[in-house]
PDB file of all heavy atoms in Angstrom:
ATOM      1  N   ASN A   1      96.283  88.333  95.223  1.00  0.00           N
ATOM      2  CA  ASN A   1      95.395  88.194  96.349  1.00  0.00           C
ATOM      3  C   ASN A   1      95.969  88.860  97.578  1.00  0.00           C
ATOM      4  O   ASN A   1      95.188  89.301  98.480  1.00  0.00           O
ATOM      5  CB  ASN A   1      95.128  86.714  96.617  1.00  0.00           C
ATOM      6  CG  ASN A   1      94.096  86.105  95.706  1.00  0.00           C
ATOM      7  OD1 ASN A   1      93.104  86.721  95.427  1.00  0.00           O
ATOM      8  ND2 ASN A   1      94.377  84.821  95.220  1.00  0.00           N
ATOM      9  N   PHE A   2      97.247  88.952  97.721  1.00  0.00           N
ATOM     10  CA  PHE A   2      97.892  89.540  98.853  1.00  0.00           C
ATOM     11  C   PHE A   2      98.690  90.794  98.373  1.00  0.00           C
ATOM     12  O   PHE A   2      98.271  91.880  98.646  1.00  0.00           O
ATOM     13  CB  PHE A   2      98.841  88.478  99.543  1.00  0.00           C
ATOM     14  CG  PHE A   2      98.111  87.200  99.794  1.00  0.00           C
ATOM     15  CD1 PHE A   2      98.218  86.130  98.968  1.00  0.00           C
ATOM     16  CD2 PHE A   2      97.326  87.074 100.901  1.00  0.00           C
ATOM     17  CE1 PHE A   2      97.518  84.921  99.219  1.00  0.00           C
ATOM     18  CE2 PHE A   2      96.611  85.927 101.133  1.00  0.00           C
ATOM     19  CZ  PHE A   2      96.750  84.805 100.284  1.00  0.00           C
ATOM     20  N   ALA A   3      99.858  90.519  97.781  1.00  0.00           N
ATOM     21  CA  ALA A   3     100.614  91.629  97.140  1.00  0.00           C
ATOM     22  C   ALA A   3     101.373  90.958  95.983  1.00  0.00           C
ATOM     23  O   ALA A   3     102.218  90.135  96.151  1.00  0.00           O
ATOM     24  CB  ALA A   3     101.564  92.261  98.171  1.00  0.00           C
ATOM     25  N   LYS A   4     100.948  91.360  94.811  1.00  0.00           N
ATOM     26  CA  LYS A   4     101.457  90.679  93.600  1.00  0.00           C
ATOM     27  C   LYS A   4     102.997  90.664  93.507  1.00  0.00           C
ATOM     28  O   LYS A   4     103.740  91.638  93.851  1.00  0.00           O
ATOM     29  CB  LYS A   4     100.929  91.383  92.314  1.00  0.00           C
ATOM     30  CG  LYS A   4     101.100  90.554  91.100  1.00  0.00           C
ATOM     31  CD  LYS A   4     100.297  91.108  89.893  1.00  0.00           C
ATOM     32  CE  LYS A   4     100.473  90.130  88.713  1.00  0.00           C
ATOM     33  NZ  LYS A   4      99.596  90.543  87.700  1.00  0.00           N
ATOM     34  N   ASP A   5     103.489  89.470  93.109  1.00  0.00           N
ATOM     35  CA  ASP A   5     104.929  89.230  92.907  1.00  0.00           C
ATOM     36  C   ASP A   5     105.772  89.302  94.248  1.00  0.00           C
ATOM     37  O   ASP A   5     106.943  89.609  94.219  1.00  0.00           O
ATOM     38  CB  ASP A   5     105.516  90.233  91.876  1.00  0.00           C
ATOM     39  CG  ASP A   5     104.911  89.972  90.576  1.00  0.00           C
ATOM     40  OD1 ASP A   5     104.561  88.838  90.174  1.00  0.00           O
ATOM     41  OD2 ASP A   5     104.765  90.990  89.784  1.00  0.00           O
ATOM     42  N   THR A   6     105.104  89.053  95.321  1.00  0.00           N
ATOM     43  CA  THR A   6     105.826  88.970  96.620  1.00  0.00           C
ATOM     44  C   THR A   6     105.547  87.629  97.305  1.00  0.00           C
ATOM     45  O   THR A   6     104.620  86.919  96.983  1.00  0.00           O
ATOM     46  CB  THR A   6     105.344  90.056  97.595  1.00  0.00           C
ATOM     47  OG1 THR A   6     103.958  89.914  97.861  1.00  0.00           O
ATOM     48  CG2 THR A   6     105.627  91.482  96.951  1.00  0.00           C
ATOM     49  N   PRO A   7     106.407  87.219  98.215  1.00  0.00           N
ATOM     50  CA  PRO A   7     106.233  85.915  98.829  1.00  0.00           C
ATOM     51  C   PRO A   7     104.958  85.798  99.694  1.00  0.00           C
ATOM     52  O   PRO A   7     104.545  86.709 100.355  1.00  0.00           O
ATOM     53  CB  PRO A   7     107.464  85.828  99.774  1.00  0.00           C
ATOM     54  CG  PRO A   7     108.471  86.767  99.242  1.00  0.00           C
ATOM     55  CD  PRO A   7     107.629  87.866  98.699  1.00  0.00           C
ATOM     56  N   VAL A   8     104.363  84.611  99.576  1.00  0.00           N
ATOM     57  CA  VAL A   8     103.219  84.252 100.462  1.00  0.00           C
ATOM     58  C   VAL A   8     103.596  82.886 101.049  1.00  0.00           C
ATOM     59  O   VAL A   8     104.040  82.004 100.330  1.00  0.00           O
ATOM     60  CB  VAL A   8     101.897  84.287  99.748  1.00  0.00           C
ATOM     61  CG1 VAL A   8     101.840  83.279  98.525  1.00  0.00           C
ATOM     62  CG2 VAL A   8     100.734  83.957 100.641  1.00  0.00           C
ATOM     63  N   TYR A   9     103.399  82.769 102.340  1.00  0.00           N
ATOM     64  CA  TYR A   9     103.593  81.480 103.043  1.00  0.00           C
ATOM     65  C   TYR A   9     102.254  81.005 103.484  1.00  0.00           C
ATOM     66  O   TYR A   9     101.509  81.807 104.147  1.00  0.00           O
ATOM     67  CB  TYR A   9     104.517  81.707 104.306  1.00  0.00           C
ATOM     68  CG  TYR A   9     105.914  82.155 103.872  1.00  0.00           C
ATOM     69  CD1 TYR A   9     106.234  83.460 103.593  1.00  0.00           C
ATOM     70  CD2 TYR A   9     106.972  81.247 103.923  1.00  0.00           C
ATOM     71  CE1 TYR A   9     107.471  83.885 103.237  1.00  0.00           C
ATOM     72  CE2 TYR A   9     108.240  81.602 103.599  1.00  0.00           C
ATOM     73  CZ  TYR A   9     108.483  82.951 103.270  1.00  0.00           C
ATOM     74  OH  TYR A   9     109.724  83.333 102.935  1.00  0.00           O
ATOM     75  N   TYR A  10     101.922  79.763 103.230  1.00  0.00           N
ATOM     76  CA  TYR A  10     100.627  79.286 103.570  1.00  0.00           C
ATOM     77  C   TYR A  10     100.686  77.861 104.095  1.00  0.00           C
ATOM     78  O   TYR A  10     101.608  77.099 103.837  1.00  0.00           O
ATOM     79  CB  TYR A  10      99.671  79.325 102.365  1.00  0.00           C
ATOM     80  CG  TYR A  10     100.105  78.430 101.266  1.00  0.00           C
ATOM     81  CD1 TYR A  10      99.609  77.083 101.167  1.00  0.00           C
ATOM     82  CD2 TYR A  10     100.998  78.786 100.316  1.00  0.00           C
ATOM     83  CE1 TYR A  10     100.060  76.229 100.201  1.00  0.00           C
ATOM     84  CE2 TYR A  10     101.404  77.916  99.282  1.00  0.00           C
ATOM     85  CZ  TYR A  10     100.925  76.651  99.240  1.00  0.00           C
ATOM     86  OH  TYR A  10     101.351  75.798  98.293  1.00  0.00           O
ATOM     87  N   ARG A  11      99.635  77.494 104.842  1.00  0.00           N
ATOM     88  CA  ARG A  11      99.533  76.142 105.413  1.00  0.00           C
ATOM     89  C   ARG A  11      98.023  75.823 105.544  1.00  0.00           C
ATOM     90  O   ARG A  11      97.249  76.565 106.064  1.00  0.00           O
ATOM     91  CB  ARG A  11     100.242  76.032 106.743  1.00  0.00           C
ATOM     92  CG  ARG A  11     100.237  74.693 107.387  1.00  0.00           C
ATOM     93  CD  ARG A  11     101.218  74.603 108.530  1.00  0.00           C
ATOM     94  NE  ARG A  11     100.729  75.407 109.637  1.00  0.00           N
ATOM     95  CZ  ARG A  11     100.074  74.866 110.699  1.00  0.00           C
ATOM     96  NH1 ARG A  11      99.803  73.612 110.691  1.00  0.00           N
ATOM     97  NH2 ARG A  11      99.713  75.628 111.751  1.00  0.00           N
ATOM     98  N   ARG A  12      97.664  74.537 105.125  1.00  0.00           N
ATOM     99  CA  ARG A  12      96.298  74.098 105.328  1.00  0.00           C
ATOM    100  C   ARG A  12      96.107  73.712 106.776  1.00  0.00           C
ATOM    101  O   ARG A  12      96.981  73.071 107.425  1.00  0.00           O
ATOM    102  CB  ARG A  12      96.085  72.834 104.474  1.00  0.00           C
ATOM    103  CG  ARG A  12      94.649  72.303 104.534  1.00  0.00           C
ATOM    104  CD  ARG A  12      94.477  70.950 103.806  1.00  0.00           C
ATOM    105  NE  ARG A  12      94.616  71.194 102.362  1.00  0.00           N
ATOM    106  CZ  ARG A  12      93.622  71.399 101.540  1.00  0.00           C
ATOM    107  NH1 ARG A  12      92.363  71.464 101.972  1.00  0.00           N
ATOM    108  NH2 ARG A  12      93.871  71.545 100.222  1.00  0.00           N
ATOM    109  N   ILE A  13      94.973  74.236 107.399  1.00  0.00           N
ATOM    110  CA  ILE A  13      94.720  73.859 108.791  1.00  0.00           C
ATOM    111  C   ILE A  13      93.416  73.121 108.956  1.00  0.00           C
ATOM    112  O   ILE A  13      93.140  72.592 110.045  1.00  0.00           O
ATOM    113  CB  ILE A  13      94.746  75.136 109.685  1.00  0.00           C
ATOM    114  CG1 ILE A  13      93.712  76.159 109.181  1.00  0.00           C
ATOM    115  CG2 ILE A  13      96.125  75.681 109.776  1.00  0.00           C
ATOM    116  CD1 ILE A  13      93.503  77.251 110.175  1.00  0.00           C
ATOM    117  N   SER A  14      92.607  73.026 107.886  1.00  0.00           N
ATOM    118  CA  SER A  14      91.437  72.230 107.845  1.00  0.00           C
ATOM    119  C   SER A  14      91.083  71.934 106.444  1.00  0.00           C
ATOM    120  O   SER A  14      91.791  72.344 105.527  1.00  0.00           O
ATOM    121  CB  SER A  14      90.238  72.838 108.626  1.00  0.00           C
ATOM    122  OG  SER A  14      89.727  73.899 107.881  1.00  0.00           O
ATOM    123  N   GLU A  15      89.992  71.210 106.229  1.00  0.00           N
ATOM    124  CA  GLU A  15      89.619  70.782 104.870  1.00  0.00           C
ATOM    125  C   GLU A  15      89.605  71.956 103.898  1.00  0.00           C
ATOM    126  O   GLU A  15      90.003  71.879 102.765  1.00  0.00           O
ATOM    127  CB  GLU A  15      88.268  70.058 104.884  1.00  0.00           C
ATOM    128  CG  GLU A  15      87.893  69.463 103.498  1.00  0.00           C
ATOM    129  CD  GLU A  15      86.567  68.715 103.593  1.00  0.00           C
ATOM    130  OE1 GLU A  15      86.286  68.205 104.712  1.00  0.00           O
ATOM    131  OE2 GLU A  15      85.909  68.691 102.556  1.00  0.00           O
ATOM    132  N   ASN A  16      89.050  73.095 104.326  1.00  0.00           N
ATOM    133  CA  ASN A  16      88.905  74.213 103.392  1.00  0.00           C
ATOM    134  C   ASN A  16      89.430  75.550 103.970  1.00  0.00           C
ATOM    135  O   ASN A  16      89.044  76.599 103.528  1.00  0.00           O
ATOM    136  CB  ASN A  16      87.496  74.444 102.913  1.00  0.00           C
ATOM    137  CG  ASN A  16      86.599  74.825 104.044  1.00  0.00           C
ATOM    138  OD1 ASN A  16      86.859  74.674 105.225  1.00  0.00           O
ATOM    139  ND2 ASN A  16      85.491  75.427 103.722  1.00  0.00           N
ATOM    140  N   LYS A  17      90.334  75.475 104.952  1.00  0.00           N
ATOM    141  CA  LYS A  17      90.916  76.667 105.586  1.00  0.00           C
ATOM    142  C   LYS A  17      92.445  76.598 105.530  1.00  0.00           C
ATOM    143  O   LYS A  17      93.044  75.553 105.773  1.00  0.00           O
ATOM    144  CB  LYS A  17      90.490  76.798 107.038  1.00  0.00           C
ATOM    145  CG  LYS A  17      89.005  77.037 107.281  1.00  0.00           C
ATOM    146  CD  LYS A  17      88.622  78.486 106.963  1.00  0.00           C
ATOM    147  CE  LYS A  17      87.172  78.619 107.316  1.00  0.00           C
ATOM    148  NZ  LYS A  17      86.608  79.870 106.858  1.00  0.00           N
ATOM    149  N   PHE A  18      92.992  77.747 105.233  1.00  0.00           N
ATOM    150  CA  PHE A  18      94.441  77.917 105.185  1.00  0.00           C
ATOM    151  C   PHE A  18      94.814  79.143 106.070  1.00  0.00           C
ATOM    152  O   PHE A  18      94.017  80.068 106.062  1.00  0.00           O
ATOM    153  CB  PHE A  18      94.899  78.182 103.748  1.00  0.00           C
ATOM    154  CG  PHE A  18      94.736  77.022 102.820  1.00  0.00           C
ATOM    155  CD1 PHE A  18      93.533  76.774 102.239  1.00  0.00           C
ATOM    156  CD2 PHE A  18      95.780  76.152 102.540  1.00  0.00           C
ATOM    157  CE1 PHE A  18      93.361  75.744 101.360  1.00  0.00           C
ATOM    158  CE2 PHE A  18      95.657  75.061 101.706  1.00  0.00           C
ATOM    159  CZ  PHE A  18      94.421  74.861 101.074  1.00  0.00           C
ATOM    160  N   LEU A  19      95.964  79.141 106.658  1.00  0.00           N
ATOM    161  CA  LEU A  19      96.531  80.348 107.264  1.00  0.00           C
ATOM    162  C   LEU A  19      97.652  80.765 106.311  1.00  0.00           C
ATOM    163  O   LEU A  19      98.335  79.883 105.758  1.00  0.00           O
ATOM    164  CB  LEU A  19      97.097  80.089 108.646  1.00  0.00           C
ATOM    165  CG  LEU A  19      96.083  79.718 109.724  1.00  0.00           C
ATOM    166  CD1 LEU A  19      96.752  79.466 111.086  1.00  0.00           C
ATOM    167  CD2 LEU A  19      94.965  80.798 109.890  1.00  0.00           C
ATOM    168  N   ALA A  20      97.739  82.069 106.186  1.00  0.00           N
ATOM    169  CA  ALA A  20      98.813  82.565 105.272  1.00  0.00           C
ATOM    170  C   ALA A  20      99.434  83.848 105.867  1.00  0.00           C
ATOM    171  O   ALA A  20      98.795  84.584 106.619  1.00  0.00           O
ATOM    172  CB  ALA A  20      98.203  82.866 103.932  1.00  0.00           C
ATOM    173  N   PHE A  21     100.687  84.018 105.495  1.00  0.00           N
ATOM    174  CA  PHE A  21     101.421  85.268 105.776  1.00  0.00           C
ATOM    175  C   PHE A  21     101.999  85.755 104.489  1.00  0.00           C
ATOM    176  O   PHE A  21     102.418  84.964 103.607  1.00  0.00           O
ATOM    177  CB  PHE A  21     102.634  84.971 106.695  1.00  0.00           C
ATOM    178  CG  PHE A  21     102.245  84.587 108.132  1.00  0.00           C
ATOM    179  CD1 PHE A  21     102.152  83.269 108.413  1.00  0.00           C
ATOM    180  CD2 PHE A  21     101.949  85.586 109.065  1.00  0.00           C
ATOM    181  CE1 PHE A  21     101.804  82.901 109.765  1.00  0.00           C
ATOM    182  CE2 PHE A  21     101.579  85.240 110.382  1.00  0.00           C
ATOM    183  CZ  PHE A  21     101.523  83.917 110.660  1.00  0.00           C
ATOM    184  N   ASN A  22     102.000  87.006 104.280  1.00  0.00           N
ATOM    185  CA  ASN A  22     102.662  87.546 103.077  1.00  0.00           C
ATOM    186  C   ASN A  22     103.593  88.720 103.540  1.00  0.00           C
ATOM    187  O   ASN A  22     103.457  89.216 104.588  1.00  0.00           O
ATOM    188  CB  ASN A  22     101.714  88.002 101.996  1.00  0.00           C
ATOM    189  CG  ASN A  22     101.081  89.370 102.294  1.00  0.00           C
ATOM    190  OD1 ASN A  22     100.399  89.506 103.340  1.00  0.00           O
ATOM    191  ND2 ASN A  22     101.225  90.310 101.443  1.00  0.00           N
ATOM    192  N   ILE A  23     104.559  88.961 102.651  1.00  0.00           N
ATOM    193  CA  ILE A  23     105.509  90.024 102.882  1.00  0.00           C
ATOM    194  C   ILE A  23     105.242  91.110 101.837  1.00  0.00           C
ATOM    195  O   ILE A  23     105.725  91.021 100.719  1.00  0.00           O
ATOM    196  CB  ILE A  23     106.939  89.503 102.822  1.00  0.00           C
ATOM    197  CG1 ILE A  23     107.112  88.282 103.754  1.00  0.00           C
ATOM    198  CG2 ILE A  23     107.953  90.592 103.100  1.00  0.00           C
ATOM    199  CD1 ILE A  23     108.388  87.553 103.603  1.00  0.00           C
ATOM    200  N   PRO A  24     104.388  92.124 102.134  1.00  0.00           N
ATOM    201  CA  PRO A  24     103.885  92.989 101.112  1.00  0.00           C
ATOM    202  C   PRO A  24     104.937  93.883 100.426  1.00  0.00           C
ATOM    203  O   PRO A  24     104.760  94.291  99.253  1.00  0.00           O
ATOM    204  CB  PRO A  24     102.859  93.823 101.825  1.00  0.00           C
ATOM    205  CG  PRO A  24     103.167  93.763 103.219  1.00  0.00           C
ATOM    206  CD  PRO A  24     103.817  92.360 103.461  1.00  0.00           C
ATOM    207  N   PHE A  25     105.991  94.237 101.088  1.00  0.00           N
ATOM    208  CA  PHE A  25     106.974  95.218 100.464  1.00  0.00           C
ATOM    209  C   PHE A  25     108.282  94.497 100.191  1.00  0.00           C
ATOM    210  O   PHE A  25     109.283  95.195 100.077  1.00  0.00           O
ATOM    211  CB  PHE A  25     107.174  96.367 101.451  1.00  0.00           C
ATOM    212  CG  PHE A  25     105.913  97.062 101.853  1.00  0.00           C
ATOM    213  CD1 PHE A  25     105.504  97.052 103.163  1.00  0.00           C
ATOM    214  CD2 PHE A  25     105.098  97.677 100.876  1.00  0.00           C
ATOM    215  CE1 PHE A  25     104.296  97.663 103.524  1.00  0.00           C
ATOM    216  CE2 PHE A  25     103.923  98.290 101.190  1.00  0.00           C
ATOM    217  CZ  PHE A  25     103.468  98.308 102.557  1.00  0.00           C
ATOM    218  N   TYR A  26     108.286  93.173  99.966  1.00  0.00           N
ATOM    219  CA  TYR A  26     109.495  92.471  99.842  1.00  0.00           C
ATOM    220  C   TYR A  26     110.280  92.981  98.622  1.00  0.00           C
ATOM    221  O   TYR A  26     109.802  92.901  97.530  1.00  0.00           O
ATOM    222  CB  TYR A  26     109.184  90.991  99.547  1.00  0.00           C
ATOM    223  CG  TYR A  26     110.352  90.085  99.583  1.00  0.00           C
ATOM    224  CD1 TYR A  26     110.933  89.677 100.733  1.00  0.00           C
ATOM    225  CD2 TYR A  26     110.904  89.714  98.351  1.00  0.00           C
ATOM    226  CE1 TYR A  26     112.064  88.806 100.730  1.00  0.00           C
ATOM    227  CE2 TYR A  26     112.060  88.892  98.334  1.00  0.00           C
ATOM    228  CZ  TYR A  26     112.636  88.458  99.477  1.00  0.00           C
ATOM    229  OH  TYR A  26     113.740  87.706  99.454  1.00  0.00           O
ATOM    230  N   GLY A  27     111.435  93.530  98.906  1.00  0.00           N
ATOM    231  CA  GLY A  27     112.305  93.964  97.830  1.00  0.00           C
ATOM    232  C   GLY A  27     111.886  95.182  97.076  1.00  0.00           C
ATOM    233  O   GLY A  27     112.440  95.586  96.064  1.00  0.00           O
ATOM    234  N   LYS A  28     110.833  95.857  97.606  1.00  0.00           N
ATOM    235  CA  LYS A  28     110.300  97.033  96.835  1.00  0.00           C
ATOM    236  C   LYS A  28     110.744  98.372  97.322  1.00  0.00           C
ATOM    237  O   LYS A  28     110.768  99.344  96.594  1.00  0.00           O
ATOM    238  CB  LYS A  28     108.757  96.969  96.880  1.00  0.00           C
ATOM    239  CG  LYS A  28     108.221  95.761  96.128  1.00  0.00           C
ATOM    240  CD  LYS A  28     106.738  95.862  95.928  1.00  0.00           C
ATOM    241  CE  LYS A  28     106.307  94.633  95.128  1.00  0.00           C
ATOM    242  NZ  LYS A  28     105.161  94.808  94.446  1.00  0.00           N
ATOM    243  N   VAL A  29     111.068  98.464  98.583  1.00  0.00           N
ATOM    244  CA  VAL A  29     111.478  99.749  99.179  1.00  0.00           C
ATOM    245  C   VAL A  29     112.811  99.620  99.899  1.00  0.00           C
ATOM    246  O   VAL A  29     113.013  98.767 100.756  1.00  0.00           O
ATOM    247  CB  VAL A  29     110.415 100.223 100.188  1.00  0.00           C
ATOM    248  CG1 VAL A  29     110.809 101.572 100.734  1.00  0.00           C
ATOM    249  CG2 VAL A  29     108.987 100.290  99.532  1.00  0.00           C
ATOM    250  N   LYS A  30     113.801 100.471  99.484  1.00  0.00           N
ATOM    251  CA  LYS A  30     115.074 100.414 100.071  1.00  0.00           C
ATOM    252  C   LYS A  30     114.967 100.786 101.553  1.00  0.00           C
ATOM    253  O   LYS A  30     114.315 101.772 101.922  1.00  0.00           O
ATOM    254  CB  LYS A  30     116.000 101.333  99.327  1.00  0.00           C
ATOM    255  CG  LYS A  30     117.459 101.301  99.855  1.00  0.00           C
ATOM    256  CD  LYS A  30     118.316 102.232  99.016  1.00  0.00           C
ATOM    257  CE  LYS A  30     119.742 102.168  99.494  1.00  0.00           C
ATOM    258  NZ  LYS A  30     120.615 103.080  98.887  1.00  0.00           N
ATOM    259  N   ASN A  31     115.628 100.006 102.396  1.00  0.00           N
ATOM    260  CA  ASN A  31     115.600 100.233 103.837  1.00  0.00           C
ATOM    261  C   ASN A  31     114.236 100.114 104.548  1.00  0.00           C
ATOM    262  O   ASN A  31     114.086 100.752 105.564  1.00  0.00           O
ATOM    263  CB  ASN A  31     116.311 101.584 104.192  1.00  0.00           C
ATOM    264  CG  ASN A  31     117.754 101.627 103.808  1.00  0.00           C
ATOM    265  OD1 ASN A  31     118.425 100.622 103.833  1.00  0.00           O
ATOM    266  ND2 ASN A  31     118.200 102.784 103.441  1.00  0.00           N
ATOM    267  N   ALA A  32     113.267  99.504 103.865  1.00  0.00           N
ATOM    268  CA  ALA A  32     111.977  99.343 104.458  1.00  0.00           C
ATOM    269  C   ALA A  32     112.004  98.406 105.618  1.00  0.00           C
ATOM    270  O   ALA A  32     112.780  97.454 105.700  1.00  0.00           O
ATOM    271  CB  ALA A  32     111.041  98.825 103.412  1.00  0.00           C
TER     272      ALA A  32
END
């Protein structure tokens, strides 16, 4: 949904809403 096999941080903020952050290049590119 974000970037496969990378970290996603999420938090529920209402009954059916979440805020999320993902790290799309986590561990994939040297010196990125």
